Amino acid sequence: METGKNVKVETTMQFDVPARDLWEAITNPSHFKKWYFQIPHFTTTVGESFDFYESEARKYLHHCTVLEFEPGKKFVHSWEHPEQSEGSSVVSWVVKSLDDHHSELTLTHEGVDSFSDAGPKFTPESYQQGWDAIIRTSLRNYLYLIEKLHFSININATKEKIWQVLWDKESYKIWTEPFGKGSHYKGDLAQDARIHFLSQEGGGMYSDVMFFKEHSLVVFRHVGGMKDCEELEIDDDSIRWTGCFEVYRLVEINENTTELEIEVDITNDHIEFMKKKFPISLEKVKELSEQ
């Protein structure tokens, strides 16, 4: 990321999909609404504009005007936040074919320093983090058929009690048993910690704690696989899911009831397994928490 005036942030990633599939994913609304934003009046016609909000709550209006469009290769548009800033920037999406089955996307956002009048949520660092998450996780997950699953359960216990059940290393073994006998984890749960999620045989995966708020929220970013309790290098298999997230959130409904919410990024070949096993595990969490 550059510093000074006309600051530019950039994200480049290669994908195991043909360039035509990558191009469709970033320029066809029926595709990108599933991983990017809902843009009701999207256009690729040079000189025309489109607007969109960051969420259904109509938060953060974005105004964009198409500046360049080269089918299959390049899409450039302005990027403004008219409700928060007088600044203006330019976003470029450049697709490159590497061979018949591989492609590369370079996302460049120039002029992000012009939004300094919009406050701390509009810093160059925030844009870099945001684009990295969008390209390296959201788009990657869409192209590789990784689905985000949602699970929740109401538990008659405090957040503190449920948190203890979730992450005490002995109770963790009990509620995760449906996923495999002997499931356990090693590491201390804390911000930026490295955690090893392991099977009885020492397989599994290693993950980093991206966000941590005790008794309320923990976000894991899965990194790579494990074998014999040792971290493996990222290989052709794990490159397709490295960076996936797993989120545990506790929300107090009233003084007697807490909702446990879980979000998990799952590869296509494990979706049915997780849909079957997670509800069983949540019932075990509820049982242990309400004792």
Protein backbone atom coordinates (compact mmCIF):
# COMPACT_ATOMS: atom_id res chain seq x y z
CA MET A 1 0.00 0.00 0.00
CA GLU A 2 1.35 3.42 -0.96
CA THR A 3 1.52 6.48 1.28
CA GLY A 4 1.26 10.19 0.56
CA LYS A 5 -1.07 11.72 -2.02
CA ASN A 6 -3.11 9.68 -4.49
CA VAL A 7 -2.70 6.61 -2.30
CA LYS A 8 -3.28 3.28 -4.06
CA VAL A 9 -4.27 -0.05 -2.56
CA GLU A 10 -4.00 -3.23 -4.63
CA THR A 11 -4.97 -6.88 -4.35
CA THR A 12 -3.89 -9.56 -6.82
CA MET A 13 -4.98 -13.19 -6.72
CA GLN A 14 -4.81 -16.18 -9.03
CA PHE A 15 -7.78 -18.53 -9.35
CA ASP A 16 -8.16 -22.11 -10.58
CA VAL A 17 -10.94 -21.10 -13.00
CA PRO A 18 -10.93 -19.96 -16.64
CA ALA A 19 -10.72 -16.21 -17.25
CA ARG A 20 -14.25 -16.19 -18.71
CA ASP A 21 -15.67 -17.52 -15.43
CA LEU A 22 -13.75 -14.94 -13.40
CA TRP A 23 -14.94 -12.16 -15.74
CA GLU A 24 -18.57 -13.27 -15.39
CA ALA A 25 -18.24 -13.32 -11.61
CA ILE A 26 -17.12 -9.68 -11.43
CA THR A 27 -19.31 -8.13 -14.16
CA ASN A 28 -22.58 -10.11 -14.19
CA PRO A 29 -25.01 -8.96 -11.45
CA SER A 30 -26.58 -12.43 -11.17
CA HIS A 31 -23.13 -13.67 -10.12
CA PHE A 32 -21.63 -10.85 -8.07
CA LYS A 33 -24.76 -10.26 -5.97
CA LYS A 34 -23.86 -13.58 -4.31
CA TRP A 35 -20.39 -12.50 -3.17
CA TYR A 36 -20.10 -8.71 -3.62
CA PHE A 37 -22.97 -6.21 -3.36
CA GLN A 38 -26.53 -5.90 -4.60
CA ILE A 39 -26.36 -3.24 -7.36
CA PRO A 40 -29.89 -2.69 -8.76
CA HIS A 41 -28.99 -0.63 -11.83
CA PHE A 42 -25.52 -1.89 -12.61
CA THR A 43 -24.04 -0.91 -15.98
CA THR A 44 -20.79 -1.37 -17.88
CA THR A 45 -21.50 1.42 -20.40
CA VAL A 46 -18.78 4.07 -20.37
CA GLY A 47 -20.11 7.37 -19.09
CA GLU A 48 -23.08 5.89 -17.25
CA SER A 49 -23.34 5.59 -13.46
CA PHE A 50 -24.63 3.16 -10.85
CA ASP A 51 -25.25 3.48 -7.11
CA PHE A 52 -25.39 0.93 -4.32
CA TYR A 53 -25.39 0.66 -0.55
CA GLU A 54 -23.16 -1.53 1.56
CA SER A 55 -26.12 -3.33 3.14
CA GLU A 56 -29.90 -3.62 3.13
CA ALA A 57 -29.89 -1.08 5.94
CA ARG A 58 -28.83 1.43 3.26
CA LYS A 59 -25.51 2.11 4.93
CA TYR A 60 -22.77 3.99 3.05
CA LEU A 61 -23.97 5.09 -0.39
CA HIS A 62 -21.48 4.37 -3.19
CA HIS A 63 -21.62 6.33 -6.44
CA CYS A 64 -19.68 4.98 -9.43
CA THR A 65 -19.28 6.13 -13.05
CA VAL A 66 -17.93 3.75 -15.70
CA LEU A 67 -14.63 5.07 -17.10
CA GLU A 68 -13.30 2.14 -19.17
CA PHE A 69 -14.65 -1.21 -20.28
CA GLU A 70 -12.71 -3.79 -22.27
CA PRO A 71 -14.80 -7.01 -22.41
CA GLY A 72 -13.11 -9.95 -20.77
CA LYS A 73 -10.12 -7.93 -19.65
CA LYS A 74 -10.65 -4.60 -17.90
CA PHE A 75 -13.38 -2.70 -16.05
CA VAL A 76 -12.67 0.74 -14.54
CA HIS A 77 -15.06 3.00 -12.63
CA SER A 78 -14.98 5.91 -10.22
CA TRP A 79 -15.78 5.32 -6.54
CA GLU A 80 -17.31 8.01 -4.32
CA HIS A 81 -19.05 8.26 -0.95
CA PRO A 82 -21.27 11.34 -1.50
CA GLU A 83 -22.94 11.14 1.92
CA GLN A 84 -19.63 10.99 3.83
CA SER A 85 -16.95 12.68 1.74
CA GLU A 86 -16.12 15.11 -1.05
CA GLY A 87 -13.37 12.78 -2.23
CA SER A 88 -13.25 10.71 -5.42
CA SER A 89 -11.23 7.63 -6.38
CA VAL A 90 -10.88 5.08 -9.17
CA VAL A 91 -11.30 1.29 -9.02
CA SER A 92 -9.82 -0.95 -11.73
CA TRP A 93 -10.60 -4.65 -12.21
CA VAL A 94 -8.09 -6.34 -14.57
CA VAL A 95 -8.49 -10.00 -15.56
CA LYS A 96 -5.63 -11.98 -17.08
CA SER A 97 -5.84 -15.48 -18.54
CA LEU A 98 -2.95 -17.66 -17.39
CA ASP A 99 -4.03 -20.78 -19.31
CA ASP A 100 -7.28 -22.59 -20.14
CA HIS A 101 -8.00 -23.32 -16.48
CA HIS A 102 -6.30 -20.53 -14.51
CA SER A 103 -6.74 -16.78 -14.34
CA GLU A 104 -5.63 -13.75 -12.35
CA LEU A 105 -7.46 -10.71 -11.02
CA THR A 106 -5.76 -7.46 -10.05
CA LEU A 107 -7.95 -4.99 -8.16
CA THR A 108 -6.48 -1.48 -7.87
CA HIS A 109 -8.13 1.34 -5.94
CA GLU A 110 -6.42 4.71 -6.47
CA GLY A 111 -7.04 7.89 -4.55
CA VAL A 112 -8.33 6.37 -1.30
CA ASP A 113 -6.59 9.15 0.65
CA SER A 114 -9.18 11.59 -0.74
CA PHE A 115 -11.70 10.22 1.79
CA SER A 116 -9.75 11.46 4.82
CA ASP A 117 -12.64 13.85 5.60
CA ALA A 118 -14.97 10.86 6.14
CA GLY A 119 -13.42 9.67 9.39
CA PRO A 120 -11.48 6.65 10.71
CA LYS A 121 -13.54 4.02 8.86
CA PHE A 122 -12.29 5.36 5.50
CA THR A 123 -8.53 5.03 5.94
CA PRO A 124 -6.27 3.42 3.29
CA GLU A 125 -5.68 0.57 5.75
CA SER A 126 -9.43 -0.05 5.96
CA TYR A 127 -9.73 -0.15 2.17
CA GLN A 128 -6.82 -2.59 1.89
CA GLN A 129 -8.37 -4.88 4.49
CA GLY A 130 -11.77 -4.59 2.84
CA TRP A 131 -10.61 -5.40 -0.69
CA ASP A 132 -8.42 -8.25 0.57
CA ALA A 133 -11.46 -9.78 2.28
CA ILE A 134 -13.69 -9.26 -0.77
CA ILE A 135 -11.25 -10.70 -3.32
CA ARG A 136 -9.32 -13.27 -1.31
CA THR A 137 -12.25 -14.63 0.66
CA SER A 138 -15.69 -13.68 -0.72
CA LEU A 139 -14.87 -13.99 -4.45
CA ARG A 140 -12.60 -16.99 -3.90
CA ASN A 141 -15.33 -18.75 -1.91
CA TYR A 142 -17.89 -18.10 -4.64
CA LEU A 143 -15.65 -19.38 -7.44
CA TYR A 144 -14.64 -22.47 -5.45
CA LEU A 145 -18.21 -23.31 -4.34
CA ILE A 146 -17.50 -22.56 -0.69
CA GLU A 147 -20.76 -21.83 1.12
CA LYS A 148 -21.33 -19.87 4.32
CA LEU A 149 -23.53 -21.89 6.66
CA HIS A 150 -25.45 -20.33 9.55
CA PHE A 151 -26.47 -22.12 12.75
CA SER A 152 -28.07 -20.78 15.92
CA ILE A 153 -29.66 -21.99 19.14
CA ASN A 154 -31.24 -20.33 22.19
CA ILE A 155 -29.75 -21.45 25.49
CA ASN A 156 -31.07 -20.79 28.99
CA ALA A 157 -27.70 -19.74 30.39
CA THR A 158 -25.46 -16.70 30.63
CA LYS A 159 -22.93 -15.78 27.98
CA GLU A 160 -20.17 -16.52 30.46
CA LYS A 161 -21.39 -20.07 31.09
CA ILE A 162 -21.83 -20.86 27.38
CA TRP A 163 -18.42 -19.40 26.58
CA GLN A 164 -16.85 -21.67 29.18
CA VAL A 165 -18.60 -24.70 27.71
CA LEU A 166 -17.48 -23.79 24.20
CA TRP A 167 -13.81 -23.21 24.94
CA ASP A 168 -12.92 -25.14 28.08
CA LYS A 169 -10.71 -27.83 26.60
CA GLU A 170 -12.50 -30.69 28.34
CA SER A 171 -16.07 -29.60 27.49
CA TYR A 172 -14.89 -28.79 23.93
CA LYS A 173 -14.11 -32.49 23.47
CA ILE A 174 -17.70 -33.35 24.49
CA TRP A 175 -19.64 -31.00 22.23
CA THR A 176 -17.38 -31.57 19.20
CA GLU A 177 -17.54 -35.37 19.43
CA PRO A 178 -20.22 -35.57 16.66
CA PHE A 179 -17.56 -34.29 14.24
CA GLY A 180 -15.19 -37.08 15.27
CA LYS A 181 -14.28 -38.91 18.44
CA GLY A 182 -11.25 -37.37 20.10
CA SER A 183 -11.68 -33.89 18.58
CA HIS A 184 -9.72 -31.32 20.56
CA TYR A 185 -7.73 -28.12 20.18
CA LYS A 186 -4.35 -26.83 21.32
CA GLY A 187 -3.41 -23.22 21.93
CA ASP A 188 -4.58 -20.35 24.10
CA LEU A 189 -7.67 -18.53 22.87
CA ALA A 190 -6.65 -14.86 22.51
CA GLN A 191 -6.37 -12.11 19.91
CA ASP A 192 -3.90 -13.08 17.13
CA ALA A 193 -3.29 -16.52 18.66
CA ARG A 194 -2.56 -19.63 16.57
CA ILE A 195 -4.93 -22.53 17.31
CA HIS A 196 -4.58 -26.19 16.26
CA PHE A 197 -7.92 -27.96 15.75
CA LEU A 198 -7.11 -31.65 15.87
CA SER A 199 -8.57 -35.10 15.42
CA GLN A 200 -7.68 -38.04 17.62
CA GLU A 201 -5.06 -39.06 15.04
CA GLY A 202 -3.41 -35.61 14.95
CA GLY A 203 -4.95 -34.44 11.69
CA GLY A 204 -7.04 -31.30 11.31
CA MET A 205 -6.19 -27.69 10.59
CA TYR A 206 -4.47 -24.67 12.08
CA SER A 207 -6.19 -21.32 12.38
CA ASP A 208 -5.54 -17.76 13.54
CA VAL A 209 -7.78 -15.80 15.90
CA MET A 210 -8.71 -12.71 13.88
CA PHE A 211 -11.14 -11.12 16.36
CA PHE A 212 -11.59 -11.89 20.02
CA LYS A 213 -13.95 -10.47 22.63
CA GLU A 214 -14.27 -12.73 25.63
CA HIS A 215 -17.79 -14.03 26.32
CA SER A 216 -19.08 -12.45 23.10
CA LEU A 217 -17.19 -13.12 19.86
CA VAL A 218 -14.37 -15.11 18.34
CA VAL A 219 -13.49 -15.23 14.64
CA PHE A 220 -11.12 -17.89 13.35
CA ARG A 221 -9.36 -17.63 10.00
CA HIS A 222 -8.40 -21.12 8.86
CA VAL A 223 -4.93 -21.32 7.37
CA GLY A 224 -3.79 -24.85 6.55
CA GLY A 225 -3.89 -28.55 7.32
CA MET A 226 -2.33 -30.63 10.08
CA LYS A 227 -0.72 -34.09 10.07
CA ASP A 228 0.71 -35.86 13.11
CA CYS A 229 0.03 -32.64 15.06
CA GLU A 230 2.36 -30.69 12.73
CA GLU A 231 1.42 -27.75 10.50
CA LEU A 232 1.54 -28.52 6.77
CA GLU A 233 2.56 -26.12 4.03
CA ILE A 234 -0.26 -24.69 1.90
CA ASP A 235 -0.77 -27.14 -0.97
CA ASP A 236 -3.05 -27.45 -4.01
CA ASP A 237 -5.91 -28.60 -1.78
CA SER A 238 -5.64 -26.13 1.10
CA ILE A 239 -5.05 -23.15 -1.22
CA ARG A 240 -8.72 -23.44 -2.16
CA TRP A 241 -9.95 -22.94 1.41
CA THR A 242 -7.17 -21.12 3.25
CA GLY A 243 -8.59 -17.85 4.56
CA CYS A 244 -12.06 -19.26 5.27
CA PHE A 245 -13.73 -18.00 8.44
CA GLU A 246 -15.51 -19.62 11.37
CA VAL A 247 -17.41 -17.26 13.70
CA TYR A 248 -18.91 -17.83 17.15
CA ARG A 249 -21.12 -15.06 18.52
CA LEU A 250 -23.09 -14.88 21.79
CA VAL A 251 -26.03 -12.46 21.97
CA GLU A 252 -27.93 -11.87 25.19
CA ILE A 253 -31.69 -11.99 24.53
CA ASN A 254 -32.69 -11.40 28.15
CA GLU A 255 -31.20 -12.14 31.57
CA ASN A 256 -32.15 -15.81 31.25
CA THR A 257 -31.56 -16.56 27.57
CA THR A 258 -28.58 -16.26 25.23
CA GLU A 259 -28.44 -16.95 21.50
CA LEU A 260 -25.40 -18.77 20.16
CA GLU A 261 -24.81 -17.88 16.49
CA ILE A 262 -22.25 -19.68 14.33
CA GLU A 263 -21.14 -18.91 10.76
CA VAL A 264 -18.87 -21.37 8.93
CA ASP A 265 -17.32 -21.24 5.46
CA ILE A 266 -17.54 -24.79 4.11
CA THR A 267 -16.26 -26.40 0.91
CA ASN A 268 -18.88 -28.04 -1.27
CA ASP A 269 -17.84 -31.60 -0.39
CA HIS A 270 -18.35 -31.01 3.38
CA ILE A 271 -21.61 -29.03 3.35
CA GLU A 272 -23.99 -31.93 3.98
CA PHE A 273 -21.75 -33.32 6.74
CA MET A 274 -21.73 -29.97 8.55
CA LYS A 275 -25.47 -29.48 8.10
CA LYS A 276 -25.99 -32.83 9.80
CA LYS A 277 -23.42 -32.59 12.59
CA PHE A 278 -23.55 -28.96 13.73
CA PRO A 279 -27.16 -29.08 15.05
CA ILE A 280 -26.25 -32.18 17.10
CA SER A 281 -23.22 -30.40 18.54
CA LEU A 282 -25.27 -27.29 19.39
CA GLU A 283 -27.71 -29.44 21.36
CA LYS A 284 -24.74 -30.76 23.33
CA VAL A 285 -23.60 -27.17 24.03
CA LYS A 286 -27.12 -26.35 25.22
CA GLU A 287 -27.26 -29.42 27.46
CA LEU A 288 -23.89 -28.69 29.06
CA SER A 289 -24.65 -24.99 29.51
CA GLU A 290 -28.02 -25.53 31.14
CA GLN A 291 -26.78 -28.09 33.69
